[in-house]
Amino acid sequence: MNQKHLLKFIKTSYQTEADRVVLEKGNEKMTLEEVFKKLNMDPYDLTVDSLDVHAGRQTFHRFDKFNSKYNPVGASELREIYLKTDNYINGEYFARLIK
């Protein structure tokens, strides 16, 4: 998977499943649409550059740089939804991405 695949998947999942509950923060369950509203962004405005998830050589030598690079758009919520297996949707989006 590269940045372009991730971007396309984010836009497609938003277009087809915006009303799906994908995140639980505390006792609050949030749909994909609510997550993007909370982050004050529209997934259709995202670009490969704005995702900012590319990795350089130094990224893999320092854990702090690795963590910051794998937060799409700097939002840990998007990392939890799309790039983790232990989340509210049991890693379904991540599984679809790497398939």
PDB file of N, CA and C in Angstrom:
ATOM      1  N   MET A   1       0.843  -1.181   0.000  1.00  0.00           N
ATOM      2  CA  MET A   1       0.000   0.000   0.000  1.00  0.00           C
ATOM      3  C   MET A   1       0.878   1.230   0.000  1.00  0.00           C
ATOM      4  N   ASN A   2       0.531   2.208  -0.795  1.00  0.00           N
ATOM      5  CA  ASN A   2       1.243   3.481  -0.772  1.00  0.00           C
ATOM      6  C   ASN A   2       0.249   4.609  -0.459  1.00  0.00           C
ATOM      7  N   GLN A   3       0.752   5.835  -0.465  1.00  0.00           N
ATOM      8  CA  GLN A   3      -0.085   6.984  -0.107  1.00  0.00           C
ATOM      9  C   GLN A   3      -1.304   7.124  -1.011  1.00  0.00           C
ATOM     10  N   LYS A   4      -1.093   6.868  -2.287  1.00  0.00           N
ATOM     11  CA  LYS A   4      -2.180   6.997  -3.253  1.00  0.00           C
ATOM     12  C   LYS A   4      -3.298   5.990  -2.983  1.00  0.00           C
ATOM     13  N   HIS A   5      -2.921   4.753  -2.630  1.00  0.00           N
ATOM     14  CA  HIS A   5      -3.920   3.737  -2.292  1.00  0.00           C
ATOM     15  C   HIS A   5      -4.705   4.144  -1.051  1.00  0.00           C
ATOM     16  N   LEU A   6      -3.997   4.624  -0.040  1.00  0.00           N
ATOM     17  CA  LEU A   6      -4.658   5.046   1.194  1.00  0.00           C
ATOM     18  C   LEU A   6      -5.633   6.185   0.924  1.00  0.00           C
ATOM     19  N   LEU A   7      -5.204   7.159   0.149  1.00  0.00           N
ATOM     20  CA  LEU A   7      -6.060   8.308  -0.170  1.00  0.00           C
ATOM     21  C   LEU A   7      -7.318   7.860  -0.908  1.00  0.00           C
ATOM     22  N   LYS A   8      -7.155   7.013  -1.891  1.00  0.00           N
ATOM     23  CA  LYS A   8      -8.300   6.518  -2.651  1.00  0.00           C
ATOM     24  C   LYS A   8      -9.255   5.733  -1.747  1.00  0.00           C
ATOM     25  N   PHE A   9      -8.690   4.930  -0.859  1.00  0.00           N
ATOM     26  CA  PHE A   9      -9.523   4.140   0.050  1.00  0.00           C
ATOM     27  C   PHE A   9     -10.286   5.037   1.025  1.00  0.00           C
ATOM     28  N   ILE A  10      -9.643   6.061   1.552  1.00  0.00           N
ATOM     29  CA  ILE A  10     -10.321   6.988   2.472  1.00  0.00           C
ATOM     30  C   ILE A  10     -11.504   7.643   1.769  1.00  0.00           C
ATOM     31  N   LYS A  11     -11.286   8.125   0.559  1.00  0.00           N
ATOM     32  CA  LYS A  11     -12.363   8.793  -0.180  1.00  0.00           C
ATOM     33  C   LYS A  11     -13.498   7.820  -0.509  1.00  0.00           C
ATOM     34  N   THR A  12     -13.144   6.607  -0.924  1.00  0.00           N
ATOM     35  CA  THR A  12     -14.158   5.611  -1.269  1.00  0.00           C
ATOM     36  C   THR A  12     -14.961   5.185  -0.044  1.00  0.00           C
ATOM     37  N   SER A  13     -14.259   4.956   1.066  1.00  0.00           N
ATOM     38  CA  SER A  13     -14.976   4.535   2.277  1.00  0.00           C
ATOM     39  C   SER A  13     -15.894   5.642   2.779  1.00  0.00           C
ATOM     40  N   TYR A  14     -15.470   6.891   2.646  1.00  0.00           N
ATOM     41  CA  TYR A  14     -16.324   8.006   3.063  1.00  0.00           C
ATOM     42  C   TYR A  14     -17.548   8.115   2.163  1.00  0.00           C
ATOM     43  N   GLN A  15     -17.327   7.921   0.871  1.00  0.00           N
ATOM     44  CA  GLN A  15     -18.417   8.036  -0.092  1.00  0.00           C
ATOM     45  C   GLN A  15     -19.466   6.944   0.117  1.00  0.00           C
ATOM     46  N   THR A  16     -19.023   5.740   0.453  1.00  0.00           N
ATOM     47  CA  THR A  16     -19.952   4.616   0.554  1.00  0.00           C
ATOM     48  C   THR A  16     -20.413   4.312   1.981  1.00  0.00           C
ATOM     49  N   GLU A  17     -19.642   4.731   3.000  1.00  0.00           N
ATOM     50  CA  GLU A  17     -19.962   4.344   4.377  1.00  0.00           C
ATOM     51  C   GLU A  17     -19.867   5.502   5.369  1.00  0.00           C
ATOM     52  N   ALA A  18     -20.238   6.689   4.960  1.00  0.00           N
ATOM     53  CA  ALA A  18     -20.104   7.865   5.824  1.00  0.00           C
ATOM     54  C   ALA A  18     -20.917   7.752   7.110  1.00  0.00           C
ATOM     55  N   ASP A  19     -22.008   7.023   7.059  1.00  0.00           N
ATOM     56  CA  ASP A  19     -22.877   6.913   8.236  1.00  0.00           C
ATOM     57  C   ASP A  19     -22.553   5.698   9.111  1.00  0.00           C
ATOM     58  N   ARG A  20     -21.470   5.001   8.821  1.00  0.00           N
ATOM     59  CA  ARG A  20     -21.076   3.830   9.604  1.00  0.00           C
ATOM     60  C   ARG A  20     -20.327   4.253  10.871  1.00  0.00           C
ATOM     61  N   VAL A  21     -20.660   3.663  11.992  1.00  0.00           N
ATOM     62  CA  VAL A  21     -19.946   3.934  13.248  1.00  0.00           C
ATOM     63  C   VAL A  21     -18.581   3.250  13.154  1.00  0.00           C
ATOM     64  N   VAL A  22     -17.511   4.045  13.278  1.00  0.00           N
ATOM     65  CA  VAL A  22     -16.164   3.515  13.094  1.00  0.00           C
ATOM     66  C   VAL A  22     -15.227   3.783  14.266  1.00  0.00           C
ATOM     67  N   LEU A  23     -15.653   4.611  15.203  1.00  0.00           N
ATOM     68  CA  LEU A  23     -14.749   5.017  16.278  1.00  0.00           C
ATOM     69  C   LEU A  23     -15.522   5.175  17.578  1.00  0.00           C
ATOM     70  N   GLU A  24     -14.883   4.771  18.663  1.00  0.00           N
ATOM     71  CA  GLU A  24     -15.469   4.964  19.978  1.00  0.00           C
ATOM     72  C   GLU A  24     -14.451   5.681  20.851  1.00  0.00           C
ATOM     73  N   LYS A  25     -14.789   6.895  21.257  1.00  0.00           N
ATOM     74  CA  LYS A  25     -13.946   7.694  22.149  1.00  0.00           C
ATOM     75  C   LYS A  25     -14.691   7.860  23.460  1.00  0.00           C
ATOM     76  N   GLY A  26     -14.171   7.239  24.510  1.00  0.00           N
ATOM     77  CA  GLY A  26     -14.891   7.240  25.778  1.00  0.00           C
ATOM     78  C   GLY A  26     -16.169   6.449  25.622  1.00  0.00           C
ATOM     79  N   ASN A  27     -17.299   7.084  25.882  1.00  0.00           N
ATOM     80  CA  ASN A  27     -18.596   6.434  25.690  1.00  0.00           C
ATOM     81  C   ASN A  27     -19.284   6.904  24.415  1.00  0.00           C
ATOM     82  N   GLU A  28     -18.601   7.736  23.644  1.00  0.00           N
ATOM     83  CA  GLU A  28     -19.195   8.318  22.443  1.00  0.00           C
ATOM     84  C   GLU A  28     -18.799   7.522  21.204  1.00  0.00           C
ATOM     85  N   LYS A  29     -19.801   7.076  20.444  1.00  0.00           N
ATOM     86  CA  LYS A  29     -19.554   6.372  19.187  1.00  0.00           C
ATOM     87  C   LYS A  29     -19.718   7.371  18.054  1.00  0.00           C
ATOM     88  N   MET A  30     -18.763   7.342  17.107  1.00  0.00           N
ATOM     89  CA  MET A  30     -18.758   8.328  16.030  1.00  0.00           C
ATOM     90  C   MET A  30     -18.790   7.653  14.661  1.00  0.00           C
ATOM     91  N   THR A  31     -19.566   8.255  13.758  1.00  0.00           N
ATOM     92  CA  THR A  31     -19.578   7.772  12.379  1.00  0.00           C
ATOM     93  C   THR A  31     -18.390   8.372  11.647  1.00  0.00           C
ATOM     94  N   LEU A  32     -18.120   7.862  10.479  1.00  0.00           N
ATOM     95  CA  LEU A  32     -17.018   8.375   9.681  1.00  0.00           C
ATOM     96  C   LEU A  32     -17.227   9.853   9.356  1.00  0.00           C
ATOM     97  N   GLU A  33     -18.451  10.214   9.044  1.00  0.00           N
ATOM     98  CA  GLU A  33     -18.769  11.609   8.753  1.00  0.00           C
ATOM     99  C   GLU A  33     -18.512  12.502   9.967  1.00  0.00           C
ATOM    100  N   GLU A  34     -18.899  12.056  11.150  1.00  0.00           N
ATOM    101  CA  GLU A  34     -18.688  12.835  12.373  1.00  0.00           C
ATOM    102  C   GLU A  34     -17.199  12.991  12.681  1.00  0.00           C
ATOM    103  N   VAL A  35     -16.419  11.960  12.409  1.00  0.00           N
ATOM    104  CA  VAL A  35     -14.972  12.040  12.640  1.00  0.00           C
ATOM    105  C   VAL A  35     -14.367  13.140  11.772  1.00  0.00           C
ATOM    106  N   PHE A  36     -14.725  13.160  10.492  1.00  0.00           N
ATOM    107  CA  PHE A  36     -14.183  14.186   9.600  1.00  0.00           C
ATOM    108  C   PHE A  36     -14.681  15.580   9.966  1.00  0.00           C
ATOM    109  N   LYS A  37     -15.929  15.689  10.421  1.00  0.00           N
ATOM    110  CA  LYS A  37     -16.433  16.993  10.869  1.00  0.00           C
ATOM    111  C   LYS A  37     -15.673  17.472  12.097  1.00  0.00           C
ATOM    112  N   LYS A  38     -15.408  16.547  13.026  1.00  0.00           N
ATOM    113  CA  LYS A  38     -14.658  16.897  14.237  1.00  0.00           C
ATOM    114  C   LYS A  38     -13.250  17.379  13.893  1.00  0.00           C
ATOM    115  N   LEU A  39     -12.660  16.791  12.854  1.00  0.00           N
ATOM    116  CA  LEU A  39     -11.316  17.176  12.420  1.00  0.00           C
ATOM    117  C   LEU A  39     -11.330  18.397  11.503  1.00  0.00           C
ATOM    118  N   ASN A  40     -12.515  18.925  11.237  1.00  0.00           N
ATOM    119  CA  ASN A  40     -12.677  20.084  10.350  1.00  0.00           C
ATOM    120  C   ASN A  40     -12.049  19.861   8.982  1.00  0.00           C
ATOM    121  N   MET A  41     -12.340  18.704   8.395  1.00  0.00           N
ATOM    122  CA  MET A  41     -11.816  18.442   7.061  1.00  0.00           C
ATOM    123  C   MET A  41     -12.831  17.672   6.232  1.00  0.00           C
ATOM    124  N   ASP A  42     -12.678  17.840   4.941  1.00  0.00           N
ATOM    125  CA  ASP A  42     -13.499  17.113   3.984  1.00  0.00           C
ATOM    126  C   ASP A  42     -12.580  16.129   3.269  1.00  0.00           C
ATOM    127  N   PRO A  43     -12.912  14.854   3.282  1.00  0.00           N
ATOM    128  CA  PRO A  43     -12.024  13.864   2.669  1.00  0.00           C
ATOM    129  C   PRO A  43     -11.792  14.109   1.178  1.00  0.00           C
ATOM    130  N   TYR A  44     -12.715  14.796   0.528  1.00  0.00           N
ATOM    131  CA  TYR A  44     -12.552  15.076  -0.900  1.00  0.00           C
ATOM    132  C   TYR A  44     -11.492  16.154  -1.147  1.00  0.00           C
ATOM    133  N   ASP A  45     -11.125  16.901  -0.124  1.00  0.00           N
ATOM    134  CA  ASP A  45     -10.082  17.919  -0.255  1.00  0.00           C
ATOM    135  C   ASP A  45      -8.688  17.363   0.036  1.00  0.00           C
ATOM    136  N   LEU A  46      -8.617  16.131   0.506  1.00  0.00           N
ATOM    137  CA  LEU A  46      -7.323  15.532   0.821  1.00  0.00           C
ATOM    138  C   LEU A  46      -6.524  15.256  -0.449  1.00  0.00           C
ATOM    139  N   THR A  47      -5.205  15.395  -0.331  1.00  0.00           N
ATOM    140  CA  THR A  47      -4.299  15.058  -1.424  1.00  0.00           C
ATOM    141  C   THR A  47      -3.226  14.133  -0.866  1.00  0.00           C
ATOM    142  N   VAL A  48      -2.435  13.569  -1.756  1.00  0.00           N
ATOM    143  CA  VAL A  48      -1.342  12.712  -1.323  1.00  0.00           C
ATOM    144  C   VAL A  48      -0.392  13.493  -0.422  1.00  0.00           C
ATOM    145  N   ASP A  49      -0.117  14.735  -0.785  1.00  0.00           N
ATOM    146  CA  ASP A  49       0.782  15.564   0.034  1.00  0.00           C
ATOM    147  C   ASP A  49       0.177  15.916   1.382  1.00  0.00           C
ATOM    148  N   SER A  50      -1.128  16.194   1.421  1.00  0.00           N
ATOM    149  CA  SER A  50      -1.741  16.564   2.698  1.00  0.00           C
ATOM    150  C   SER A  50      -1.846  15.374   3.646  1.00  0.00           C
ATOM    151  N   LEU A  51      -1.895  14.154   3.119  1.00  0.00           N
ATOM    152  CA  LEU A  51      -1.893  12.970   3.985  1.00  0.00           C
ATOM    153  C   LEU A  51      -0.609  12.910   4.796  1.00  0.00           C
ATOM    154  N   ASP A  52       0.500  13.235   4.159  1.00  0.00           N
ATOM    155  CA  ASP A  52       1.813  13.300   4.817  1.00  0.00           C
ATOM    156  C   ASP A  52       2.158  12.000   5.545  1.00  0.00           C
ATOM    157  N   VAL A  53       2.066  10.877   4.832  1.00  0.00           N
ATOM    158  CA  VAL A  53       2.415   9.597   5.444  1.00  0.00           C
ATOM    159  C   VAL A  53       3.591   8.924   4.726  1.00  0.00           C
ATOM    160  N   HIS A  54       4.373   9.703   3.984  1.00  0.00           N
ATOM    161  CA  HIS A  54       5.538   9.112   3.334  1.00  0.00           C
ATOM    162  C   HIS A  54       6.654   8.913   4.347  1.00  0.00           C
ATOM    163  N   ALA A  55       7.476   7.931   4.101  1.00  0.00           N
ATOM    164  CA  ALA A  55       8.540   7.599   5.054  1.00  0.00           C
ATOM    165  C   ALA A  55       9.910   7.751   4.398  1.00  0.00           C
ATOM    166  N   GLY A  56      10.825   8.334   5.129  1.00  0.00           N
ATOM    167  CA  GLY A  56      12.209   8.431   4.680  1.00  0.00           C
ATOM    168  C   GLY A  56      13.061   7.468   5.483  1.00  0.00           C
ATOM    169  N   ARG A  57      14.352   7.490   5.229  1.00  0.00           N
ATOM    170  CA  ARG A  57      15.264   6.579   5.936  1.00  0.00           C
ATOM    171  C   ARG A  57      15.241   6.776   7.446  1.00  0.00           C
ATOM    172  N   GLN A  58      15.197   8.014   7.883  1.00  0.00           N
ATOM    173  CA  GLN A  58      15.256   8.308   9.318  1.00  0.00           C
ATOM    174  C   GLN A  58      13.979   7.896  10.047  1.00  0.00           C
ATOM    175  N   THR A  59      12.899   7.765   9.319  1.00  0.00           N
ATOM    176  CA  THR A  59      11.613   7.419   9.934  1.00  0.00           C
ATOM    177  C   THR A  59      11.696   6.111  10.705  1.00  0.00           C
ATOM    178  N   PHE A  60      12.418   5.137  10.184  1.00  0.00           N
ATOM    179  CA  PHE A  60      12.457   3.814  10.789  1.00  0.00           C
ATOM    180  C   PHE A  60      13.515   3.680  11.880  1.00  0.00           C
ATOM    181  N   HIS A  61      14.346   4.715  12.056  1.00  0.00           N
ATOM    182  CA  HIS A  61      15.361   4.688  13.098  1.00  0.00           C
ATOM    183  C   HIS A  61      14.901   5.357  14.394  1.00  0.00           C
ATOM    184  N   ARG A  62      13.874   6.168  14.281  1.00  0.00           N
ATOM    185  CA  ARG A  62      13.367   6.868  15.466  1.00  0.00           C
ATOM    186  C   ARG A  62      11.876   6.649  15.592  1.00  0.00           C
ATOM    187  N   PHE A  63      11.478   6.064  16.725  1.00  0.00           N
ATOM    188  CA  PHE A  63      10.082   5.701  16.930  1.00  0.00           C
ATOM    189  C   PHE A  63       9.162   6.919  16.937  1.00  0.00           C
ATOM    190  N   ASP A  64       9.625   8.050  17.467  1.00  0.00           N
ATOM    191  CA  ASP A  64       8.784   9.250  17.498  1.00  0.00           C
ATOM    192  C   ASP A  64       8.483   9.742  16.082  1.00  0.00           C
ATOM    193  N   LYS A  65       9.460   9.674  15.193  1.00  0.00           N
ATOM    194  CA  LYS A  65       9.211  10.078  13.803  1.00  0.00           C
ATOM    195  C   LYS A  65       8.290   9.082  13.107  1.00  0.00           C
ATOM    196  N   PHE A  66       8.452   7.804  13.403  1.00  0.00           N
ATOM    197  CA  PHE A  66       7.604   6.776  12.822  1.00  0.00           C
ATOM    198  C   PHE A  66       6.149   7.024  13.210  1.00  0.00           C
ATOM    199  N   ASN A  67       5.898   7.259  14.485  1.00  0.00           N
ATOM    200  CA  ASN A  67       4.527   7.500  14.954  1.00  0.00           C
ATOM    201  C   ASN A  67       3.916   8.736  14.313  1.00  0.00           C
ATOM    202  N   SER A  68       4.679   9.810  14.173  1.00  0.00           N
ATOM    203  CA  SER A  68       4.119  11.022  13.590  1.00  0.00           C
ATOM    204  C   SER A  68       3.849  10.865  12.101  1.00  0.00           C
ATOM    205  N   LYS A  69       4.633  10.064  11.411  1.00  0.00           N
ATOM    206  CA  LYS A  69       4.436   9.875   9.980  1.00  0.00           C
ATOM    207  C   LYS A  69       3.256   8.975   9.670  1.00  0.00           C
ATOM    208  N   TYR A  70       2.846   8.149  10.586  1.00  0.00           N
ATOM    209  CA  TYR A  70       1.732   7.264  10.325  1.00  0.00           C
ATOM    210  C   TYR A  70       0.442   7.734  10.972  1.00  0.00           C
ATOM    211  N   ASN A  71       0.321   9.028  11.135  1.00  0.00           N
ATOM    212  CA  ASN A  71      -0.929   9.678  11.500  1.00  0.00           C
ATOM    213  C   ASN A  71      -1.362  10.457  10.270  1.00  0.00           C
ATOM    214  N   PRO A  72      -2.236   9.906   9.433  1.00  0.00           N
ATOM    215  CA  PRO A  72      -2.660  10.649   8.240  1.00  0.00           C
ATOM    216  C   PRO A  72      -3.185  12.026   8.609  1.00  0.00           C
ATOM    217  N   VAL A  73      -2.677  13.038   7.964  1.00  0.00           N
ATOM    218  CA  VAL A  73      -3.021  14.434   8.186  1.00  0.00           C
ATOM    219  C   VAL A  73      -2.752  14.842   9.632  1.00  0.00           C
ATOM    220  N   GLY A  74      -1.922  14.103  10.320  1.00  0.00           N
ATOM    221  CA  GLY A  74      -1.610  14.401  11.710  1.00  0.00           C
ATOM    222  C   GLY A  74      -2.718  14.029  12.678  1.00  0.00           C
ATOM    223  N   ALA A  75      -3.711  13.284  12.220  1.00  0.00           N
ATOM    224  CA  ALA A  75      -4.869  12.937  13.053  1.00  0.00           C
ATOM    225  C   ALA A  75      -4.773  11.484  13.504  1.00  0.00           C
ATOM    226  N   SER A  76      -4.616  11.288  14.799  1.00  0.00           N
ATOM    227  CA  SER A  76      -4.508   9.927  15.319  1.00  0.00           C
ATOM    228  C   SER A  76      -5.807   9.147  15.131  1.00  0.00           C
ATOM    229  N   GLU A  77      -6.934   9.861  15.031  1.00  0.00           N
ATOM    230  CA  GLU A  77      -8.212   9.186  14.800  1.00  0.00           C
ATOM    231  C   GLU A  77      -8.208   8.447  13.461  1.00  0.00           C
ATOM    232  N   LEU A  78      -7.636   9.070  12.444  1.00  0.00           N
ATOM    233  CA  LEU A  78      -7.595   8.428  11.131  1.00  0.00           C
ATOM    234  C   LEU A  78      -6.657   7.228  11.138  1.00  0.00           C
ATOM    235  N   ARG A  79      -5.576   7.326  11.884  1.00  0.00           N
ATOM    236  CA  ARG A  79      -4.679   6.173  12.006  1.00  0.00           C
ATOM    237  C   ARG A  79      -5.408   5.021  12.695  1.00  0.00           C
ATOM    238  N   GLU A  80      -6.148   5.343  13.739  1.00  0.00           N
ATOM    239  CA  GLU A  80      -6.871   4.288  14.454  1.00  0.00           C
ATOM    240  C   GLU A  80      -7.924   3.637  13.565  1.00  0.00           C
ATOM    241  N   ILE A  81      -8.616   4.415  12.760  1.00  0.00           N
ATOM    242  CA  ILE A  81      -9.674   3.879  11.903  1.00  0.00           C
ATOM    243  C   ILE A  81      -9.103   3.074  10.740  1.00  0.00           C
ATOM    244  N   TYR A  82      -8.088   3.613  10.075  1.00  0.00           N
ATOM    245  CA  TYR A  82      -7.621   3.017   8.823  1.00  0.00           C
ATOM    246  C   TYR A  82      -6.384   2.139   8.937  1.00  0.00           C
ATOM    247  N   LEU A  83      -5.538   2.358   9.923  1.00  0.00           N
ATOM    248  CA  LEU A  83      -4.256   1.659   9.948  1.00  0.00           C
ATOM    249  C   LEU A  83      -4.025   0.789  11.174  1.00  0.00           C
ATOM    250  N   LYS A  84      -5.047   0.496  11.926  1.00  0.00           N
ATOM    251  CA  LYS A  84      -4.893  -0.363  13.100  1.00  0.00           C
ATOM    252  C   LYS A  84      -5.855  -1.542  13.031  1.00  0.00           C
ATOM    253  N   THR A  85      -5.450  -2.617  13.696  1.00  0.00           N
ATOM    254  CA  THR A  85      -6.306  -3.810  13.726  1.00  0.00           C
ATOM    255  C   THR A  85      -7.137  -3.866  14.998  1.00  0.00           C
ATOM    256  N   ASP A  86      -6.694  -3.213  16.048  1.00  0.00           N
ATOM    257  CA  ASP A  86      -7.394  -3.228  17.323  1.00  0.00           C
ATOM    258  C   ASP A  86      -8.207  -1.940  17.455  1.00  0.00           C
ATOM    259  N   ASN A  87      -9.352  -1.894  16.771  1.00  0.00           N
ATOM    260  CA  ASN A  87     -10.192  -0.709  16.818  1.00  0.00           C
ATOM    261  C   ASN A  87     -11.665  -1.115  16.838  1.00  0.00           C
ATOM    262  N   TYR A  88     -12.547  -0.160  16.771  1.00  0.00           N
ATOM    263  CA  TYR A  88     -13.979  -0.417  16.891  1.00  0.00           C
ATOM    264  C   TYR A  88     -14.499  -1.355  15.789  1.00  0.00           C
ATOM    265  N   ILE A  89     -13.925  -1.262  14.600  1.00  0.00           N
ATOM    266  CA  ILE A  89     -14.383  -2.097  13.483  1.00  0.00           C
ATOM    267  C   ILE A  89     -13.466  -3.307  13.268  1.00  0.00           C
ATOM    268  N   ASN A  90     -12.697  -3.645  14.299  1.00  0.00           N
ATOM    269  CA  ASN A  90     -11.826  -4.835  14.299  1.00  0.00           C
ATOM    270  C   ASN A  90     -10.866  -4.898  13.115  1.00  0.00           C
ATOM    271  N   GLY A  91     -10.357  -3.749  12.707  1.00  0.00           N
ATOM    272  CA  GLY A  91      -9.346  -3.714  11.653  1.00  0.00           C
ATOM    273  C   GLY A  91      -9.866  -3.991  10.255  1.00  0.00           C
ATOM    274  N   GLU A  92     -11.164  -3.879  10.041  1.00  0.00           N
ATOM    275  CA  GLU A  92     -11.741  -4.194   8.739  1.00  0.00           C
ATOM    276  C   GLU A  92     -11.160  -3.321   7.622  1.00  0.00           C
ATOM    277  N   TYR A  93     -11.048  -2.010   7.869  1.00  0.00           N
ATOM    278  CA  TYR A  93     -10.503  -1.125   6.837  1.00  0.00           C
ATOM    279  C   TYR A  93      -9.042  -1.465   6.544  1.00  0.00           C
ATOM    280  N   PHE A  94      -8.267  -1.740   7.567  1.00  0.00           N
ATOM    281  CA  PHE A  94      -6.862  -2.089   7.370  1.00  0.00           C
ATOM    282  C   PHE A  94      -6.742  -3.390   6.563  1.00  0.00           C
ATOM    283  N   ALA A  95      -7.595  -4.356   6.874  1.00  0.00           N
ATOM    284  CA  ALA A  95      -7.587  -5.637   6.147  1.00  0.00           C
ATOM    285  C   ALA A  95      -7.926  -5.397   4.670  1.00  0.00           C
ATOM    286  N   ARG A  96      -8.913  -4.564   4.411  1.00  0.00           N
ATOM    287  CA  ARG A  96      -9.269  -4.273   3.016  1.00  0.00           C
ATOM    288  C   ARG A  96      -8.146  -3.543   2.292  1.00  0.00           C
ATOM    289  N   LEU A  97      -7.475  -2.662   3.007  1.00  0.00           N
ATOM    290  CA  LEU A  97      -6.364  -1.924   2.414  1.00  0.00           C
ATOM    291  C   LEU A  97      -5.219  -2.830   1.987  1.00  0.00           C
ATOM    292  N   ILE A  98      -4.836  -3.737   2.858  1.00  0.00           N
ATOM    293  CA  ILE A  98      -3.671  -4.566   2.538  1.00  0.00           C
ATOM    294  C   ILE A  98      -4.015  -5.765   1.657  1.00  0.00           C
ATOM    295  N   LYS A  99      -5.304  -6.033   1.504  1.00  0.00           N
ATOM    296  CA  LYS A  99      -5.708  -7.130   0.627  1.00  0.00           C
ATOM    297  C   LYS A  99      -5.474  -6.708  -0.799  1.00  0.00           C
TER     298      LYS A  99
END
